[in-house]
Each structure stands twice: as C-alpha cells, then as structure tokens.
Amino acid sequence: MEVVNIFLTGKLGETLEDFEHGNARFEFARLWSSGPKRLVEGPVWAFVDWVMDDLAGLEMCRRLRADPRTADAHITMVLENDDAEDRRRALKAGADDYVVGTLDRTIVLDRVLALQSKHQKYSADQIQLGPLQIDMAALRATWGDALIDLRPNEFRLLRFFAENPNQVLSREDLITGLGKQEPPMDERTVDVWIGRLRSALKVAGAGNPLRTVRSLGYVFDAP
C-alpha cells in the first residue's frame, strides 16, 4: 500500500487520524519550521499556514522547496483572507495552490483526494512533439535527453500546451484546462506558472517555445 504523507503546520497535524482510501494510506503529521520530524517515504502534500507560530508561511514554502525530502511536495498555502497580492506572493514563494479559511480533516482530504484523482487520470500514453516527450504514467517530461524539472502544476500546464500546440490560449483557458476554477483564481497566477515553466524549459535546453501574445494569452510554438 502506498503511503501518502500529509503535513500540516500547527497543531492540526498532531490530531488528525490516518486514513485509507483505495490502495493508499494517508498519514497526517505536523510540519515544523525545521521540516518533517519523521521519515518521509512516498508523495508529500503540505498545507502551510500563512502565519505560523515561529515563522512566516512564505518562508516555510521556501524551506520546503530547498529541502530534498519535500522539494517535490504539493504545497497548499492556507490564507487568512482572499487577497490577490497574498495569493501572488504564495505562488512566487513556491506554493502550488491555496485555500482560504480554517482547515479541518474533511477539507484536507477532499482536496488531496480530488487532486490525486486528477493525477490518476493520466493515461499510460505519451505525447511526442519534436524533442519534447511527456510520459503521463511516470509524470515525467524530457527535452531530447534532458529531464525537464517540473512541479505538478507546471507538468500539467506543459501537457495542456503540448496537447494544444500553436494555439493562443488565454489565462482563463489555462485555468479551466488545469481544473483550477474552484476556488476562483486570480488570472495573474497563470503568469507565475508560465514563468516557472519557461525557466524549466530553458534549463533543459529548450529555449523559449512559450510565446506571449499581448492582451490575448500564450502560445506553445511546436518545435
């Protein structure tokens, strides 16, 4: 049975009982400012409060991305208010998405299971577009022989572009394509995703196949 680690800042991570669903066991634990205090094996989901007892949530996001144990975690920032600037800062600090308000076990599990389900819908097929190859089963993308180092949101964004090459896609198209309509998301969030994806493509030697079309959106120019 696969173990899925769910870390939460604050005392909630110490009080929630583990949960089994399908072939996975979801294990809850508290996330401390120094990182996890137990062995981490399997996928990691982290829920980070905007304000922690001894650390800012933004700094916690940065630490998670710098820690090899949690560098690939799916990070959800828990915002106190639905503020566009706070959302932008959270995503820039390394969060994958966000929720607004107080967490409880139901909210956490609903969110994790929904996202797990989306990941499991990837088929075993591959997308080949010139030197770009995307393996949905392995959640892995390469440019030629070089691995494109992507977090979950950017991987799904690249897949969506690859499935719709040479088309102008608006920010709303991208939000809808990635299933991010609920809760409503600031369209500027897309710019953060695009920036991360462009950086990863450049590092892999792909140059910049993502073209900005002013006032309209973005195009993935097929190689």
Protein backbone atom coordinates (compact mmCIF):
# COMPACT_ATOMS: atom_id res chain seq x y z
CA MET A 1 0.00 0.00 0.00
CA GLU A 2 1.34 3.40 -0.99
CA VAL A 3 1.87 5.89 1.83
CA VAL A 4 0.86 9.49 1.14
CA ASN A 5 2.31 11.99 3.62
CA ILE A 6 0.10 14.93 4.59
CA PHE A 7 1.93 17.55 6.64
CA LEU A 8 0.18 20.50 8.26
CA THR A 9 1.64 23.41 10.17
CA GLY A 10 0.14 23.98 13.60
CA LYS A 11 -1.45 21.50 15.99
CA LEU A 12 -3.96 20.14 13.45
CA GLY A 13 -1.27 17.83 12.08
CA GLU A 14 -0.95 16.19 15.51
CA THR A 15 -4.66 15.49 15.98
CA LEU A 16 -5.86 14.04 12.67
CA GLU A 17 -6.18 10.27 12.32
CA ASP A 18 -4.67 8.43 9.38
CA PHE A 19 -6.99 7.39 6.56
CA GLU A 20 -7.03 4.58 4.00
CA HIS A 21 -8.55 5.00 0.56
CA GLY A 22 -8.14 2.54 -2.31
CA ASN A 23 -4.53 1.44 -2.42
CA ALA A 24 -3.22 4.40 -0.44
CA ARG A 25 -2.78 5.19 3.24
CA PHE A 26 -2.86 8.91 4.04
CA GLU A 27 -0.72 9.66 7.10
CA PHE A 28 -1.01 13.01 8.88
CA ALA A 29 1.82 14.71 10.73
CA ARG A 30 2.76 18.14 12.00
CA LEU A 31 5.08 20.22 9.86
CA TRP A 32 7.61 22.10 11.94
CA SER A 33 9.66 25.13 10.87
CA SER A 34 12.67 22.80 10.60
CA GLY A 35 10.71 20.43 8.35
CA PRO A 36 9.23 16.96 8.95
CA LYS A 37 10.28 15.21 12.12
CA ARG A 38 9.78 11.68 10.82
CA LEU A 39 10.86 9.55 7.90
CA VAL A 40 9.35 10.72 4.62
CA GLU A 41 8.62 7.99 2.09
CA GLY A 42 6.14 8.43 -0.76
CA PRO A 43 4.31 11.50 -2.08
CA VAL A 44 4.16 14.59 0.13
CA TRP A 45 1.33 17.09 0.48
CA ALA A 46 1.99 20.12 2.68
CA PHE A 47 -0.57 22.60 3.99
CA VAL A 48 1.20 25.74 5.19
CA ASP A 49 -0.49 28.43 7.28
CA TRP A 50 0.05 31.99 6.11
CA VAL A 51 1.05 32.86 9.70
CA MET A 52 2.87 30.21 11.76
CA ASP A 53 3.84 30.38 15.44
CA ASP A 54 7.54 30.90 14.77
CA LEU A 55 7.85 31.50 11.04
CA ALA A 56 6.12 33.19 8.11
CA GLY A 57 4.31 30.80 5.81
CA LEU A 58 6.15 32.23 2.81
CA GLU A 59 9.50 31.32 4.37
CA MET A 60 8.16 27.84 5.16
CA CYS A 61 7.35 27.37 1.46
CA ARG A 62 10.90 28.36 0.52
CA ARG A 63 12.35 25.95 3.07
CA LEU A 64 10.20 23.08 1.79
CA ARG A 65 11.42 23.67 -1.77
CA ALA A 66 15.04 23.74 -0.56
CA ASP A 67 14.70 20.53 1.50
CA PRO A 68 15.41 17.39 -0.60
CA ARG A 69 12.74 15.48 1.36
CA THR A 70 9.99 17.92 0.37
CA ALA A 71 11.30 19.64 -2.76
CA ASP A 72 8.66 17.92 -4.92
CA ALA A 73 5.81 18.25 -2.43
CA HIS A 74 2.45 19.63 -3.46
CA ILE A 75 2.22 22.75 -1.30
CA THR A 76 -1.07 24.42 -0.48
CA MET A 77 -0.89 27.80 1.24
CA VAL A 78 -3.67 28.36 3.78
CA LEU A 79 -4.59 32.04 3.50
CA GLU A 80 -6.41 34.01 6.16
CA ASN A 81 -8.06 36.29 3.58
CA ASP A 82 -8.79 36.02 -0.11
CA ASP A 83 -6.25 38.67 -1.09
CA ALA A 84 -4.85 38.76 -4.63
CA GLU A 85 -1.44 40.02 -3.51
CA ASP A 86 -1.15 37.29 -0.86
CA ARG A 87 -2.00 34.67 -3.47
CA ARG A 88 0.64 36.03 -5.81
CA ARG A 89 3.29 36.04 -3.07
CA ALA A 90 2.41 32.49 -2.01
CA LEU A 91 2.79 31.13 -5.54
CA LYS A 92 6.01 33.03 -6.04
CA ALA A 93 7.40 31.52 -2.82
CA GLY A 94 6.80 28.01 -4.14
CA ALA A 95 3.18 27.11 -3.31
CA ASP A 96 1.27 25.13 -5.94
CA ASP A 97 -2.15 26.43 -4.93
CA TYR A 98 -4.04 27.88 -1.97
CA VAL A 99 -7.17 27.67 0.16
CA VAL A 100 -8.84 30.40 2.19
CA GLY A 101 -10.00 29.94 5.76
CA THR A 102 -9.65 27.37 8.54
CA LEU A 103 -8.75 23.79 7.68
CA ASP A 104 -10.34 20.64 9.03
CA ARG A 105 -9.91 16.96 8.20
CA THR A 106 -12.72 16.95 5.62
CA ILE A 107 -11.34 19.94 3.72
CA VAL A 108 -7.83 18.48 3.65
CA LEU A 109 -8.92 15.02 2.50
CA ASP A 110 -11.35 16.36 -0.08
CA ARG A 111 -8.60 18.47 -1.61
CA VAL A 112 -5.94 15.74 -1.59
CA LEU A 113 -8.28 13.07 -2.96
CA ALA A 114 -9.53 15.36 -5.72
CA LEU A 115 -6.00 16.17 -6.85
CA GLN A 116 -4.93 12.53 -6.50
CA SER A 117 -7.83 11.58 -8.76
CA LYS A 118 -6.74 14.07 -11.41
CA HIS A 119 -3.21 12.67 -11.37
CA GLN A 120 -4.55 9.12 -11.68
CA LYS A 121 -6.49 10.05 -14.82
CA TYR A 122 -3.27 10.39 -16.76
CA SER A 123 -3.16 7.58 -19.29
CA ALA A 124 -0.14 5.43 -19.99
CA ASP A 125 0.22 7.16 -23.36
CA GLN A 126 2.99 9.54 -24.23
CA ILE A 127 2.97 12.85 -26.06
CA GLN A 128 5.78 13.35 -28.55
CA LEU A 129 6.23 16.79 -30.06
CA GLY A 130 9.61 17.12 -31.72
CA PRO A 131 12.24 16.82 -28.96
CA LEU A 132 9.55 17.16 -26.29
CA GLN A 133 8.32 13.91 -24.78
CA ILE A 134 5.78 13.70 -21.98
CA ASP A 135 5.18 10.44 -20.15
CA MET A 136 1.84 10.72 -18.36
CA ALA A 137 2.22 7.44 -16.45
CA ALA A 138 5.56 8.50 -14.98
CA LEU A 139 4.63 12.21 -14.73
CA ARG A 140 7.92 12.92 -16.47
CA ALA A 141 8.84 15.28 -19.29
CA THR A 142 12.06 15.47 -21.27
CA TRP A 143 13.50 17.68 -24.00
CA GLY A 144 15.75 15.44 -26.03
CA ASP A 145 17.79 13.60 -23.41
CA ALA A 146 17.38 16.30 -20.76
CA LEU A 147 14.84 15.99 -17.95
CA ILE A 148 12.52 18.99 -17.58
CA ASP A 149 12.35 19.52 -13.82
CA LEU A 150 8.71 20.38 -13.11
CA ARG A 151 6.39 20.54 -10.14
CA PRO A 152 2.83 19.16 -10.51
CA ASN A 153 1.17 22.37 -11.73
CA GLU A 154 3.87 23.09 -14.30
CA PHE A 155 3.83 19.48 -15.54
CA ARG A 156 0.09 19.66 -16.15
CA LEU A 157 0.48 23.07 -17.77
CA LEU A 158 3.12 21.73 -20.18
CA ARG A 159 0.92 18.76 -21.02
CA PHE A 160 -2.01 21.07 -21.79
CA PHE A 161 0.16 23.22 -24.04
CA ALA A 162 1.54 20.13 -25.80
CA GLU A 163 -1.99 18.89 -26.43
CA ASN A 164 -2.91 22.28 -27.89
CA PRO A 165 0.21 23.46 -29.78
CA ASN A 166 0.28 26.55 -31.99
CA GLN A 167 -2.94 27.89 -30.45
CA VAL A 168 -3.41 31.07 -28.47
CA LEU A 169 -4.60 30.07 -25.01
CA SER A 170 -5.93 32.75 -22.69
CA ARG A 171 -5.28 32.74 -18.96
CA GLU A 172 -8.90 31.65 -18.48
CA ASP A 173 -8.35 28.77 -20.94
CA LEU A 174 -5.33 27.61 -18.94
CA ILE A 175 -7.11 27.85 -15.58
CA THR A 176 -10.03 25.84 -16.98
CA GLY A 177 -7.73 23.34 -18.68
CA LEU A 178 -5.94 22.63 -15.41
CA GLY A 179 -9.21 22.35 -13.47
CA LYS A 180 -8.43 25.33 -11.26
CA GLN A 181 -11.77 27.15 -11.43
CA GLU A 182 -12.71 26.42 -7.82
CA PRO A 183 -11.93 28.29 -5.72
CA PRO A 184 -11.83 31.23 -8.16
CA MET A 185 -8.21 32.00 -9.06
CA ASP A 186 -6.61 35.31 -9.98
CA GLU A 187 -5.64 35.12 -13.66
CA ARG A 188 -2.24 36.62 -12.79
CA THR A 189 -1.48 33.30 -11.13
CA VAL A 190 -1.06 31.91 -14.66
CA ASP A 191 1.85 34.29 -15.21
CA VAL A 192 3.64 32.68 -12.24
CA TRP A 193 3.07 29.21 -13.69
CA ILE A 194 4.31 30.36 -17.09
CA GLY A 195 7.44 31.87 -15.55
CA ARG A 196 8.28 28.62 -13.76
CA LEU A 197 7.64 26.53 -16.88
CA ARG A 198 9.75 28.82 -19.05
CA SER A 199 12.65 28.58 -16.59
CA ALA A 200 12.45 24.79 -16.52
CA LEU A 201 12.35 24.57 -20.32
CA LYS A 202 15.32 26.89 -20.64
CA VAL A 203 17.38 24.85 -18.17
CA ALA A 204 16.59 21.70 -20.18
CA GLY A 205 17.89 23.36 -23.35
CA ALA A 206 14.52 24.03 -24.97
CA GLY A 207 14.97 27.78 -25.33
CA ASN A 208 11.65 29.60 -25.05
CA PRO A 209 8.89 27.87 -27.03
CA LEU A 210 6.24 29.69 -24.96
CA ARG A 211 5.31 32.89 -26.76
CA THR A 212 3.32 35.72 -25.19
CA VAL A 213 0.58 37.21 -27.34
CA ARG A 214 -0.11 40.60 -25.84
CA SER A 215 -3.61 41.01 -24.39
CA LEU A 216 -4.62 37.51 -25.54
CA GLY A 217 -2.55 34.85 -23.82
CA TYR A 218 0.19 32.37 -24.64
CA VAL A 219 1.16 30.03 -27.47
CA PHE A 220 3.31 26.93 -27.36
CA ASP A 221 5.16 27.01 -30.68
CA ALA A 222 5.59 23.38 -31.70
CA PRO A 223 9.27 22.59 -32.39
